[in-house]
């Protein structure tokens, strides 16, 4: 998750053409027999073939927008004073930390996890460790390795609907592969320590 900074890139650099590219993690869910990317924190399904457009998920914003007399948008997304937007980090290590966030909580339909590069554009707010944006689309996806290689290959093939490269992380030379490997090792150690103390 990127920190909320006070500078909006689109306001600071109106001629900025190329998207910002950052790292993020996703849950992989099965929806109508198809594999889809979902936000790790929210139940937002990332559409295929079109960008994800951010909205504000703060409770008061959602309540205010339901008032019949309130037809104007509550605020643009993202803005520096709110935590809304589509997050990405500049650090693959931080993205790997989010890979298994909430994995201990039962989440129906979550079948796997993915990490990868995401393109961000529109309004972009820069923070201490990354960005929040109004629009995003995956650029490249990586799936952690599994002992059940065939299952991961099926998920990889299903995520091809996004039209971006999808790779299984076998090569530990890639920084993201090393980051995911470290996170998985740390999770195993914590689970082992918890089983020994209980």
N, C-alpha and C. Protein backbone atom coordinates (compact mmCIF):
# COMPACT_ATOMS: atom_id res chain seq x y z
N UNK A 1 0.85 -1.17 0.00
CA UNK A 1 0.00 0.00 0.00
C UNK A 1 0.89 1.22 0.00
N UNK A 2 0.64 2.15 -0.85
CA UNK A 2 1.43 3.38 -0.93
C UNK A 2 0.92 4.38 0.08
N UNK A 3 1.82 5.19 0.58
CA UNK A 3 1.41 6.24 1.52
C UNK A 3 0.75 7.38 0.77
N UNK A 4 -0.08 8.12 1.45
CA UNK A 4 -0.78 9.23 0.81
C UNK A 4 0.08 10.48 0.83
N UNK A 5 0.56 10.88 -0.29
CA UNK A 5 1.37 12.08 -0.38
C UNK A 5 0.51 13.27 -0.73
N UNK A 6 1.09 14.44 -0.68
CA UNK A 6 0.31 15.65 -0.90
C UNK A 6 0.39 16.15 -2.34
N UNK A 7 1.20 15.51 -3.16
CA UNK A 7 1.38 16.03 -4.51
C UNK A 7 0.65 15.15 -5.52
N UNK A 8 -0.15 15.74 -6.35
CA UNK A 8 -0.81 15.00 -7.42
C UNK A 8 0.03 15.14 -8.67
N UNK A 9 0.45 13.99 -9.23
CA UNK A 9 1.32 14.04 -10.40
C UNK A 9 0.64 14.70 -11.59
N UNK A 10 -0.66 14.42 -11.76
CA UNK A 10 -1.33 15.01 -12.92
C UNK A 10 -1.38 16.53 -12.83
N UNK A 11 -1.42 17.06 -11.61
CA UNK A 11 -1.42 18.51 -11.46
C UNK A 11 -0.02 19.08 -11.62
N UNK A 12 0.99 18.32 -11.17
CA UNK A 12 2.36 18.80 -11.23
C UNK A 12 2.95 18.67 -12.62
N UNK A 13 2.50 17.67 -13.38
CA UNK A 13 3.07 17.42 -14.71
C UNK A 13 1.95 17.12 -15.70
N UNK A 14 1.27 18.15 -16.17
CA UNK A 14 0.12 17.92 -17.05
C UNK A 14 0.49 17.26 -18.37
N UNK A 15 1.76 17.31 -18.78
CA UNK A 15 2.17 16.69 -20.03
C UNK A 15 2.64 15.25 -19.84
N UNK A 16 2.44 14.70 -18.64
CA UNK A 16 2.86 13.35 -18.33
C UNK A 16 2.02 12.38 -19.15
N UNK A 17 2.65 11.66 -20.08
CA UNK A 17 1.92 10.81 -21.01
C UNK A 17 1.97 9.35 -20.61
N UNK A 18 3.15 8.87 -20.28
CA UNK A 18 3.31 7.45 -19.96
C UNK A 18 2.70 7.13 -18.60
N UNK A 19 2.12 5.93 -18.47
CA UNK A 19 1.59 5.54 -17.16
C UNK A 19 2.72 5.31 -16.16
N UNK A 20 2.41 5.45 -14.90
CA UNK A 20 3.33 5.08 -13.83
C UNK A 20 3.21 3.57 -13.67
N UNK A 21 4.33 2.89 -13.53
CA UNK A 21 4.31 1.44 -13.36
C UNK A 21 4.83 1.10 -11.97
N UNK A 22 4.04 0.33 -11.24
CA UNK A 22 4.41 -0.07 -9.89
C UNK A 22 4.09 -1.53 -9.66
N UNK A 23 4.35 -1.98 -8.45
CA UNK A 23 4.10 -3.37 -8.04
C UNK A 23 2.87 -3.44 -7.15
N UNK A 24 2.14 -4.55 -7.24
CA UNK A 24 1.03 -4.79 -6.33
C UNK A 24 0.73 -6.28 -6.26
N UNK A 25 -0.08 -6.66 -5.30
CA UNK A 25 -0.51 -8.05 -5.14
C UNK A 25 -2.01 -8.13 -5.38
N UNK A 26 -2.48 -9.30 -5.79
CA UNK A 26 -3.90 -9.57 -6.02
C UNK A 26 -4.26 -10.93 -5.43
N UNK A 27 -5.52 -11.09 -5.10
CA UNK A 27 -6.08 -12.41 -4.87
C UNK A 27 -6.58 -12.89 -6.23
N UNK A 28 -6.51 -14.19 -6.47
CA UNK A 28 -7.08 -14.77 -7.69
C UNK A 28 -8.35 -15.49 -7.26
N UNK A 29 -9.46 -15.13 -7.89
CA UNK A 29 -10.75 -15.74 -7.56
C UNK A 29 -11.32 -16.45 -8.77
N UNK A 30 -12.23 -17.36 -8.49
CA UNK A 30 -12.93 -18.00 -9.59
C UNK A 30 -14.33 -17.43 -9.63
N UNK A 31 -14.68 -16.87 -10.78
CA UNK A 31 -15.97 -16.22 -10.95
C UNK A 31 -16.58 -16.73 -12.26
N UNK A 32 -17.70 -17.40 -12.16
CA UNK A 32 -18.36 -17.98 -13.34
C UNK A 32 -17.38 -18.82 -14.16
N UNK A 33 -16.66 -19.67 -13.47
CA UNK A 33 -15.69 -20.60 -14.08
C UNK A 33 -14.51 -19.93 -14.75
N UNK A 34 -14.30 -18.67 -14.48
CA UNK A 34 -13.15 -17.95 -15.03
C UNK A 34 -12.32 -17.42 -13.86
N UNK A 35 -11.01 -17.35 -14.09
CA UNK A 35 -10.13 -16.79 -13.07
C UNK A 35 -10.03 -15.29 -13.27
N UNK A 36 -10.16 -14.56 -12.17
CA UNK A 36 -10.11 -13.10 -12.20
C UNK A 36 -9.23 -12.60 -11.06
N UNK A 37 -8.66 -11.43 -11.28
CA UNK A 37 -7.90 -10.76 -10.23
C UNK A 37 -8.86 -9.99 -9.34
N UNK A 38 -8.59 -10.02 -8.04
CA UNK A 38 -9.40 -9.27 -7.09
C UNK A 38 -8.47 -8.54 -6.15
N UNK A 39 -8.88 -7.39 -5.71
CA UNK A 39 -8.11 -6.66 -4.72
C UNK A 39 -7.91 -7.53 -3.48
N UNK A 40 -6.74 -7.42 -2.86
CA UNK A 40 -6.47 -8.17 -1.64
C UNK A 40 -7.30 -7.64 -0.49
N UNK A 41 -7.54 -6.33 -0.46
CA UNK A 41 -8.22 -5.69 0.67
C UNK A 41 -9.73 -5.59 0.46
N UNK A 42 -10.16 -5.23 -0.74
CA UNK A 42 -11.59 -5.06 -1.04
C UNK A 42 -12.07 -6.18 -1.96
N UNK A 43 -13.35 -6.28 -2.15
CA UNK A 43 -13.93 -7.30 -3.04
C UNK A 43 -14.00 -6.82 -4.49
N UNK A 44 -13.13 -5.95 -4.88
CA UNK A 44 -13.15 -5.38 -6.23
C UNK A 44 -12.52 -6.35 -7.22
N UNK A 45 -13.31 -6.77 -8.20
CA UNK A 45 -12.80 -7.62 -9.28
C UNK A 45 -12.23 -6.72 -10.37
N UNK A 46 -11.02 -7.02 -10.81
CA UNK A 46 -10.39 -6.26 -11.88
C UNK A 46 -10.94 -6.77 -13.21
N UNK A 47 -11.51 -5.89 -14.02
CA UNK A 47 -12.07 -6.33 -15.31
C UNK A 47 -10.97 -6.69 -16.31
N UNK A 48 -11.33 -7.53 -17.27
CA UNK A 48 -10.40 -7.85 -18.36
C UNK A 48 -10.70 -6.89 -19.51
N UNK A 49 -9.69 -6.61 -20.29
CA UNK A 49 -9.80 -5.82 -21.52
C UNK A 49 -10.19 -4.35 -21.32
N UNK A 50 -10.31 -3.91 -20.09
CA UNK A 50 -10.60 -2.50 -19.81
C UNK A 50 -10.01 -2.15 -18.45
N UNK A 51 -9.75 -0.87 -18.24
CA UNK A 51 -9.10 -0.46 -17.00
C UNK A 51 -10.05 -0.54 -15.82
N UNK A 52 -9.46 -0.67 -14.65
CA UNK A 52 -10.19 -0.54 -13.40
C UNK A 52 -10.23 0.94 -13.07
N UNK A 53 -11.40 1.46 -12.74
CA UNK A 53 -11.56 2.86 -12.36
C UNK A 53 -11.83 2.90 -10.86
N UNK A 54 -11.08 3.72 -10.17
CA UNK A 54 -11.17 3.79 -8.71
C UNK A 54 -12.42 4.53 -8.26
N UNK A 55 -12.89 4.16 -7.10
CA UNK A 55 -13.96 4.86 -6.40
C UNK A 55 -13.53 5.00 -4.95
N UNK A 56 -14.23 5.78 -4.18
CA UNK A 56 -13.91 5.94 -2.78
C UNK A 56 -14.71 4.94 -1.96
N UNK A 57 -14.04 4.17 -1.12
CA UNK A 57 -14.70 3.14 -0.31
C UNK A 57 -14.87 3.54 1.15
N UNK A 58 -14.60 4.80 1.47
CA UNK A 58 -14.80 5.22 2.86
C UNK A 58 -16.29 5.19 3.18
N UNK A 59 -16.62 4.75 4.38
CA UNK A 59 -18.01 4.57 4.78
C UNK A 59 -18.83 5.85 4.60
N UNK A 60 -18.33 6.98 5.11
CA UNK A 60 -19.11 8.22 5.02
C UNK A 60 -19.31 8.64 3.56
N UNK A 61 -18.32 8.40 2.73
CA UNK A 61 -18.45 8.74 1.31
C UNK A 61 -19.56 7.90 0.68
N UNK A 62 -19.59 6.60 1.00
CA UNK A 62 -20.63 5.72 0.44
C UNK A 62 -22.01 6.12 0.94
N UNK A 63 -22.12 6.47 2.22
CA UNK A 63 -23.41 6.87 2.78
C UNK A 63 -23.88 8.17 2.15
N UNK A 64 -22.99 9.17 2.07
CA UNK A 64 -23.37 10.46 1.50
C UNK A 64 -23.82 10.35 0.06
N UNK A 65 -23.18 9.48 -0.71
CA UNK A 65 -23.50 9.37 -2.13
C UNK A 65 -24.86 8.71 -2.36
N UNK A 66 -25.44 8.09 -1.35
CA UNK A 66 -26.75 7.44 -1.49
C UNK A 66 -27.93 8.39 -1.24
N UNK A 67 -27.64 9.59 -0.72
CA UNK A 67 -28.72 10.54 -0.50
C UNK A 67 -29.29 10.97 -1.84
N UNK A 68 -30.60 10.94 -1.98
CA UNK A 68 -31.24 11.27 -3.26
C UNK A 68 -30.94 12.70 -3.70
N UNK A 69 -30.84 13.62 -2.76
CA UNK A 69 -30.61 15.02 -3.09
C UNK A 69 -29.14 15.30 -3.40
N UNK A 70 -28.28 14.28 -3.27
CA UNK A 70 -26.84 14.46 -3.46
C UNK A 70 -26.45 13.85 -4.80
N UNK A 71 -26.49 14.60 -5.87
CA UNK A 71 -26.21 14.04 -7.20
C UNK A 71 -24.77 14.27 -7.65
N UNK A 72 -24.05 15.17 -6.98
CA UNK A 72 -22.67 15.44 -7.38
C UNK A 72 -21.74 14.40 -6.75
N UNK A 73 -20.62 14.12 -7.40
CA UNK A 73 -19.67 13.18 -6.80
C UNK A 73 -19.12 13.75 -5.50
N UNK A 74 -18.83 12.87 -4.57
CA UNK A 74 -18.35 13.31 -3.27
C UNK A 74 -16.97 13.95 -3.40
N UNK A 75 -16.07 13.33 -4.15
CA UNK A 75 -14.78 13.92 -4.46
C UNK A 75 -14.12 13.13 -5.58
N UNK A 76 -13.14 13.77 -6.23
CA UNK A 76 -12.37 13.07 -7.25
C UNK A 76 -11.52 12.00 -6.58
N UNK A 77 -11.17 10.98 -7.33
CA UNK A 77 -10.34 9.90 -6.80
C UNK A 77 -9.08 9.81 -7.64
N UNK A 78 -7.91 9.75 -7.03
CA UNK A 78 -7.63 9.96 -5.61
C UNK A 78 -7.38 11.43 -5.30
N UNK A 79 -7.43 11.75 -4.03
CA UNK A 79 -7.04 13.08 -3.56
C UNK A 79 -6.14 12.87 -2.35
N UNK A 80 -5.30 13.84 -2.08
CA UNK A 80 -4.32 13.67 -1.01
C UNK A 80 -4.96 13.55 0.36
N UNK A 81 -6.14 14.13 0.56
CA UNK A 81 -6.75 14.13 1.90
C UNK A 81 -7.55 12.86 2.19
N UNK A 82 -7.64 11.95 1.23
CA UNK A 82 -8.38 10.70 1.41
C UNK A 82 -7.44 9.55 1.04
N UNK A 83 -7.73 8.36 1.51
CA UNK A 83 -6.87 7.21 1.22
C UNK A 83 -7.37 6.41 0.02
N UNK A 84 -8.31 6.95 -0.74
CA UNK A 84 -8.88 6.21 -1.86
C UNK A 84 -7.94 6.15 -3.05
N UNK A 85 -8.23 5.26 -3.97
CA UNK A 85 -7.43 5.10 -5.17
C UNK A 85 -6.94 3.68 -5.32
N UNK A 86 -6.34 3.40 -6.44
CA UNK A 86 -5.76 2.09 -6.73
C UNK A 86 -4.28 2.17 -6.38
N UNK A 87 -3.85 1.31 -5.48
CA UNK A 87 -2.51 1.39 -4.93
C UNK A 87 -1.49 0.56 -5.71
N UNK A 88 -0.28 1.06 -5.74
CA UNK A 88 0.89 0.32 -6.22
C UNK A 88 2.10 0.85 -5.48
N UNK A 89 3.08 0.01 -5.33
CA UNK A 89 4.31 0.39 -4.64
C UNK A 89 5.49 0.38 -5.61
N UNK A 90 6.50 1.11 -5.27
CA UNK A 90 7.71 1.12 -6.09
C UNK A 90 8.63 -0.05 -5.72
N UNK A 91 8.32 -0.74 -4.63
CA UNK A 91 9.18 -1.78 -4.08
C UNK A 91 8.55 -3.17 -4.22
N UNK A 92 9.17 -4.07 -4.98
CA UNK A 92 8.61 -5.43 -5.10
C UNK A 92 8.54 -6.15 -3.76
N UNK A 93 9.45 -5.83 -2.83
CA UNK A 93 9.41 -6.44 -1.50
C UNK A 93 8.11 -6.10 -0.76
N UNK A 94 7.68 -4.85 -0.87
CA UNK A 94 6.45 -4.41 -0.21
C UNK A 94 5.24 -5.08 -0.86
N UNK A 95 5.24 -5.19 -2.18
CA UNK A 95 4.15 -5.89 -2.87
C UNK A 95 4.07 -7.34 -2.42
N UNK A 96 5.22 -7.98 -2.26
CA UNK A 96 5.24 -9.37 -1.81
C UNK A 96 4.66 -9.52 -0.41
N UNK A 97 4.85 -8.51 0.45
CA UNK A 97 4.27 -8.54 1.79
C UNK A 97 2.74 -8.61 1.73
N UNK A 98 2.15 -7.97 0.74
CA UNK A 98 0.70 -7.97 0.60
C UNK A 98 0.17 -9.24 -0.06
N UNK A 99 1.05 -10.04 -0.60
CA UNK A 99 0.64 -11.23 -1.33
C UNK A 99 -0.24 -12.15 -0.49
N UNK A 100 0.11 -12.31 0.79
CA UNK A 100 -0.65 -13.23 1.64
C UNK A 100 -1.44 -12.51 2.73
N UNK A 101 -1.66 -11.21 2.55
CA UNK A 101 -2.48 -10.47 3.50
C UNK A 101 -3.87 -11.09 3.57
N UNK A 102 -4.36 -11.32 4.75
CA UNK A 102 -5.67 -11.93 4.99
C UNK A 102 -5.76 -13.38 4.53
N UNK A 103 -4.64 -14.01 4.26
CA UNK A 103 -4.71 -15.40 3.77
C UNK A 103 -5.14 -16.36 4.87
N UNK A 104 -5.02 -15.97 6.13
CA UNK A 104 -5.45 -16.83 7.23
C UNK A 104 -6.96 -16.74 7.46
N UNK A 105 -7.60 -15.76 6.86
CA UNK A 105 -9.04 -15.57 6.99
C UNK A 105 -9.73 -16.29 5.84
N UNK A 106 -10.80 -17.01 6.15
CA UNK A 106 -11.54 -17.72 5.09
C UNK A 106 -12.11 -16.72 4.09
N UNK A 107 -11.75 -16.88 2.85
CA UNK A 107 -12.23 -16.00 1.78
C UNK A 107 -12.79 -16.88 0.66
N UNK A 108 -14.11 -17.04 0.62
CA UNK A 108 -14.70 -17.87 -0.43
C UNK A 108 -14.27 -17.37 -1.81
N UNK A 109 -14.06 -18.26 -2.70
CA UNK A 109 -13.72 -17.99 -4.10
C UNK A 109 -12.26 -17.65 -4.33
N UNK A 110 -11.47 -17.34 -3.28
CA UNK A 110 -10.04 -17.08 -3.50
C UNK A 110 -9.35 -18.42 -3.70
N UNK A 111 -8.73 -18.58 -4.87
CA UNK A 111 -8.09 -19.86 -5.19
C UNK A 111 -6.57 -19.75 -5.23
N UNK A 112 -6.03 -18.54 -5.36
CA UNK A 112 -4.59 -18.38 -5.43
C UNK A 112 -4.25 -16.91 -5.22
N UNK A 113 -2.98 -16.59 -5.31
CA UNK A 113 -2.50 -15.21 -5.16
C UNK A 113 -1.59 -14.89 -6.34
N UNK A 114 -1.54 -13.62 -6.70
CA UNK A 114 -0.67 -13.16 -7.78
C UNK A 114 0.00 -11.87 -7.34
N UNK A 115 1.13 -11.59 -7.92
CA UNK A 115 1.84 -10.34 -7.69
C UNK A 115 2.32 -9.88 -9.06
N UNK A 116 2.50 -8.59 -9.24
CA UNK A 116 2.97 -8.17 -10.55
C UNK A 116 3.06 -6.68 -10.72
N UNK A 117 3.29 -6.31 -11.96
CA UNK A 117 3.39 -4.91 -12.34
C UNK A 117 2.03 -4.40 -12.78
N UNK A 118 1.74 -3.16 -12.45
CA UNK A 118 0.47 -2.54 -12.80
C UNK A 118 0.75 -1.16 -13.39
N UNK A 119 0.02 -0.81 -14.43
CA UNK A 119 0.11 0.54 -15.01
C UNK A 119 -0.95 1.41 -14.36
N UNK A 120 -0.55 2.60 -13.93
CA UNK A 120 -1.44 3.56 -13.28
C UNK A 120 -1.48 4.83 -14.11
N UNK A 121 -2.67 5.41 -14.25
CA UNK A 121 -2.76 6.68 -14.98
C UNK A 121 -3.99 7.44 -14.55
N UNK A 122 -4.24 8.55 -15.22
CA UNK A 122 -5.32 9.46 -14.81
C UNK A 122 -4.77 10.36 -13.72
N UNK A 123 -5.52 10.55 -12.66
CA UNK A 123 -5.01 11.27 -11.50
C UNK A 123 -4.14 10.31 -10.70
N UNK A 124 -2.93 10.72 -10.42
CA UNK A 124 -1.99 9.88 -9.68
C UNK A 124 -1.42 10.69 -8.52
N UNK A 125 -1.53 10.15 -7.32
CA UNK A 125 -0.99 10.78 -6.12
C UNK A 125 0.22 9.97 -5.69
N UNK A 126 1.35 10.64 -5.53
CA UNK A 126 2.56 9.95 -5.10
C UNK A 126 2.67 10.00 -3.59
N UNK A 127 3.08 8.86 -3.01
CA UNK A 127 3.29 8.77 -1.57
C UNK A 127 4.72 8.37 -1.26
N UNK A 128 4.97 8.02 -0.01
CA UNK A 128 6.32 7.66 0.42
C UNK A 128 6.83 6.38 -0.23
N UNK A 129 5.93 5.43 -0.48
CA UNK A 129 6.39 4.14 -0.99
C UNK A 129 5.72 3.74 -2.30
N UNK A 130 5.02 4.66 -2.92
CA UNK A 130 4.38 4.33 -4.19
C UNK A 130 3.34 5.35 -4.61
N UNK A 131 2.26 4.87 -5.20
CA UNK A 131 1.27 5.76 -5.79
C UNK A 131 -0.14 5.25 -5.54
N UNK A 132 -1.10 6.17 -5.70
CA UNK A 132 -2.53 5.86 -5.77
C UNK A 132 -3.04 6.52 -7.04
N UNK A 133 -3.88 5.82 -7.78
CA UNK A 133 -4.32 6.35 -9.07
C UNK A 133 -5.81 6.17 -9.27
N UNK A 134 -6.32 6.89 -10.27
CA UNK A 134 -7.73 6.79 -10.62
C UNK A 134 -8.01 5.65 -11.60
N UNK A 135 -7.00 5.24 -12.38
CA UNK A 135 -7.17 4.18 -13.37
C UNK A 135 -5.96 3.25 -13.35
N UNK A 136 -6.22 1.95 -13.60
CA UNK A 136 -5.12 0.99 -13.58
C UNK A 136 -5.47 -0.23 -14.41
N UNK A 137 -4.42 -0.92 -14.86
CA UNK A 137 -4.57 -2.20 -15.55
C UNK A 137 -3.28 -3.00 -15.34
N UNK A 138 -3.40 -4.32 -15.12
CA UNK A 138 -2.18 -5.13 -14.94
C UNK A 138 -1.27 -5.03 -16.16
N UNK A 139 0.02 -5.04 -15.91
CA UNK A 139 1.02 -4.98 -16.98
C UNK A 139 1.72 -6.33 -17.14
N UNK A 140 2.00 -7.00 -16.02
CA UNK A 140 2.62 -8.32 -16.04
C UNK A 140 2.30 -9.00 -14.71
N UNK A 141 1.96 -10.28 -14.78
CA UNK A 141 1.57 -11.03 -13.58
C UNK A 141 2.55 -12.16 -13.30
N UNK A 142 2.76 -12.41 -12.01
CA UNK A 142 3.60 -13.52 -11.57
C UNK A 142 2.83 -14.34 -10.55
N UNK A 143 2.87 -15.65 -10.71
CA UNK A 143 2.23 -16.56 -9.77
C UNK A 143 3.31 -17.28 -8.97
N UNK A 144 3.16 -17.33 -7.64
CA UNK A 144 4.14 -18.08 -6.84
C UNK A 144 4.13 -19.55 -7.25
N UNK A 145 5.28 -20.22 -7.13
CA UNK A 145 5.30 -21.65 -7.46
C UNK A 145 4.49 -22.45 -6.46
N UNK A 146 4.11 -23.64 -6.86
CA UNK A 146 3.35 -24.53 -6.00
C UNK A 146 3.80 -25.96 -6.25
N UNK A 147 3.59 -26.80 -5.25
CA UNK A 147 3.89 -28.22 -5.45
C UNK A 147 2.95 -28.82 -6.48
N UNK A 148 1.78 -28.20 -6.62
CA UNK A 148 0.79 -28.67 -7.60
C UNK A 148 0.92 -27.83 -8.86
N UNK A 149 1.98 -28.08 -9.57
CA UNK A 149 2.35 -27.30 -10.76
C UNK A 149 1.20 -27.21 -11.77
N UNK A 150 0.50 -28.32 -11.99
CA UNK A 150 -0.58 -28.32 -12.98
C UNK A 150 -1.67 -27.32 -12.60
N UNK A 151 -2.04 -27.25 -11.32
CA UNK A 151 -3.07 -26.31 -10.88
C UNK A 151 -2.67 -24.87 -11.17
N UNK A 152 -1.39 -24.54 -10.93
CA UNK A 152 -0.90 -23.18 -11.17
C UNK A 152 -0.89 -22.89 -12.67
N UNK A 153 -0.57 -23.89 -13.47
CA UNK A 153 -0.59 -23.71 -14.93
C UNK A 153 -2.01 -23.43 -15.43
N UNK A 154 -3.00 -24.08 -14.83
CA UNK A 154 -4.40 -23.84 -15.21
C UNK A 154 -4.79 -22.41 -14.85
N UNK A 155 -4.39 -21.95 -13.67
CA UNK A 155 -4.67 -20.57 -13.26
C UNK A 155 -3.95 -19.60 -14.19
N UNK A 156 -2.69 -19.88 -14.50
CA UNK A 156 -1.93 -19.02 -15.43
C UNK A 156 -2.66 -18.91 -16.76
N UNK A 157 -3.09 -20.03 -17.29
CA UNK A 157 -3.79 -20.02 -18.57
C UNK A 157 -5.11 -19.26 -18.47
N UNK A 158 -5.81 -19.38 -17.34
CA UNK A 158 -7.07 -18.66 -17.15
C UNK A 158 -6.89 -17.16 -17.05
N UNK A 159 -5.78 -16.73 -16.48
CA UNK A 159 -5.51 -15.29 -16.36
C UNK A 159 -5.06 -14.67 -17.67
N UNK A 160 -4.87 -15.49 -18.69
CA UNK A 160 -4.50 -14.98 -20.02
C UNK A 160 -5.57 -14.05 -20.58
N UNK A 161 -6.80 -14.11 -20.03
CA UNK A 161 -7.87 -13.19 -20.46
C UNK A 161 -7.47 -11.73 -20.30
N UNK A 162 -6.52 -11.45 -19.43
CA UNK A 162 -6.08 -10.07 -19.21
C UNK A 162 -5.18 -9.56 -20.34
N UNK A 163 -4.70 -10.47 -21.18
CA UNK A 163 -3.89 -10.07 -22.32
C UNK A 163 -2.51 -9.55 -21.96
N UNK A 164 -2.00 -9.95 -20.81
CA UNK A 164 -0.66 -9.54 -20.37
C UNK A 164 0.14 -10.80 -20.06
N UNK A 165 1.47 -10.71 -20.05
CA UNK A 165 2.26 -11.90 -19.70
C UNK A 165 1.95 -12.38 -18.29
N UNK A 166 1.79 -13.69 -18.14
CA UNK A 166 1.56 -14.33 -16.84
C UNK A 166 2.61 -15.42 -16.69
N UNK A 167 3.48 -15.29 -15.69
CA UNK A 167 4.57 -16.24 -15.49
C UNK A 167 4.48 -16.89 -14.11
N UNK A 168 4.93 -18.12 -14.04
CA UNK A 168 5.07 -18.81 -12.75
C UNK A 168 6.49 -18.52 -12.27
N UNK A 169 6.63 -18.08 -11.03
CA UNK A 169 7.92 -17.67 -10.49
C UNK A 169 8.78 -18.88 -10.15
N UNK A 170 9.61 -19.29 -11.09
CA UNK A 170 10.56 -20.36 -10.85
C UNK A 170 11.98 -19.82 -10.75
N UNK A 171 12.23 -18.70 -11.35
CA UNK A 171 13.57 -18.12 -11.43
C UNK A 171 13.82 -17.21 -10.23
N UNK A 172 14.68 -17.63 -9.32
CA UNK A 172 14.95 -16.82 -8.13
C UNK A 172 15.88 -15.66 -8.42
N UNK A 173 16.31 -15.49 -9.66
CA UNK A 173 17.14 -14.35 -10.02
C UNK A 173 16.33 -13.06 -10.10
N UNK A 174 15.05 -13.18 -10.35
CA UNK A 174 14.20 -11.99 -10.41
C UNK A 174 13.99 -11.43 -9.01
N UNK A 175 14.07 -10.11 -8.84
CA UNK A 175 13.84 -9.53 -7.50
C UNK A 175 12.48 -9.91 -6.92
N UNK A 176 11.46 -9.99 -7.73
CA UNK A 176 10.13 -10.35 -7.20
C UNK A 176 10.11 -11.80 -6.75
N UNK A 177 10.82 -12.68 -7.44
CA UNK A 177 10.89 -14.09 -7.03
C UNK A 177 11.57 -14.22 -5.67
N UNK A 178 12.66 -13.48 -5.47
CA UNK A 178 13.35 -13.51 -4.17
C UNK A 178 12.46 -12.94 -3.07
N UNK A 179 11.72 -11.88 -3.38
CA UNK A 179 10.83 -11.27 -2.39
C UNK A 179 9.72 -12.24 -1.99
N UNK A 180 9.11 -12.88 -2.96
CA UNK A 180 8.03 -13.84 -2.67
C UNK A 180 8.58 -15.02 -1.88
N UNK A 181 9.75 -15.49 -2.26
CA UNK A 181 10.38 -16.60 -1.55
C UNK A 181 10.63 -16.23 -0.09
N UNK A 182 11.11 -15.01 0.16
CA UNK A 182 11.35 -14.56 1.53
C UNK A 182 10.06 -14.48 2.34
N UNK A 183 9.01 -13.93 1.73
CA UNK A 183 7.72 -13.81 2.42
C UNK A 183 7.17 -15.20 2.76
N UNK A 184 7.25 -16.13 1.83
CA UNK A 184 6.76 -17.49 2.09
C UNK A 184 7.57 -18.16 3.20
N UNK A 185 8.88 -17.98 3.20
CA UNK A 185 9.74 -18.54 4.24
C UNK A 185 9.37 -17.96 5.60
N UNK A 186 9.17 -16.63 5.67
CA UNK A 186 8.79 -15.97 6.93
C UNK A 186 7.45 -16.47 7.43
N UNK A 187 6.49 -16.68 6.52
CA UNK A 187 5.17 -17.21 6.91
C UNK A 187 5.30 -18.60 7.51
N UNK A 188 6.11 -19.46 6.90
CA UNK A 188 6.33 -20.82 7.42
C UNK A 188 6.93 -20.76 8.82
N UNK A 189 7.91 -19.87 9.01
CA UNK A 189 8.55 -19.74 10.32
C UNK A 189 7.55 -19.28 11.38
N UNK A 190 6.71 -18.30 11.03
CA UNK A 190 5.71 -17.81 11.99
C UNK A 190 4.70 -18.90 12.35
N UNK A 191 4.25 -19.65 11.33
CA UNK A 191 3.29 -20.73 11.60
C UNK A 191 3.93 -21.80 12.48
N UNK A 192 5.19 -22.12 12.21
CA UNK A 192 5.90 -23.13 13.02
C UNK A 192 6.03 -22.64 14.45
N UNK A 193 6.46 -21.38 14.64
CA UNK A 193 6.62 -20.82 15.98
C UNK A 193 5.28 -20.82 16.73
N UNK A 194 4.21 -20.48 16.03
CA UNK A 194 2.87 -20.47 16.65
C UNK A 194 2.46 -21.88 17.06
N UNK A 195 2.77 -22.87 16.24
CA UNK A 195 2.39 -24.26 16.58
C UNK A 195 3.19 -24.77 17.76
N UNK A 196 4.41 -24.29 17.96
CA UNK A 196 5.25 -24.73 19.06
C UNK A 196 4.86 -24.06 20.38
N UNK A 197 4.30 -22.84 20.28
CA UNK A 197 3.94 -22.11 21.50
C UNK A 197 2.53 -22.42 21.97
N UNK A 198 1.73 -23.08 21.12
CA UNK A 198 0.32 -23.31 21.44
C UNK A 198 0.10 -24.60 22.06
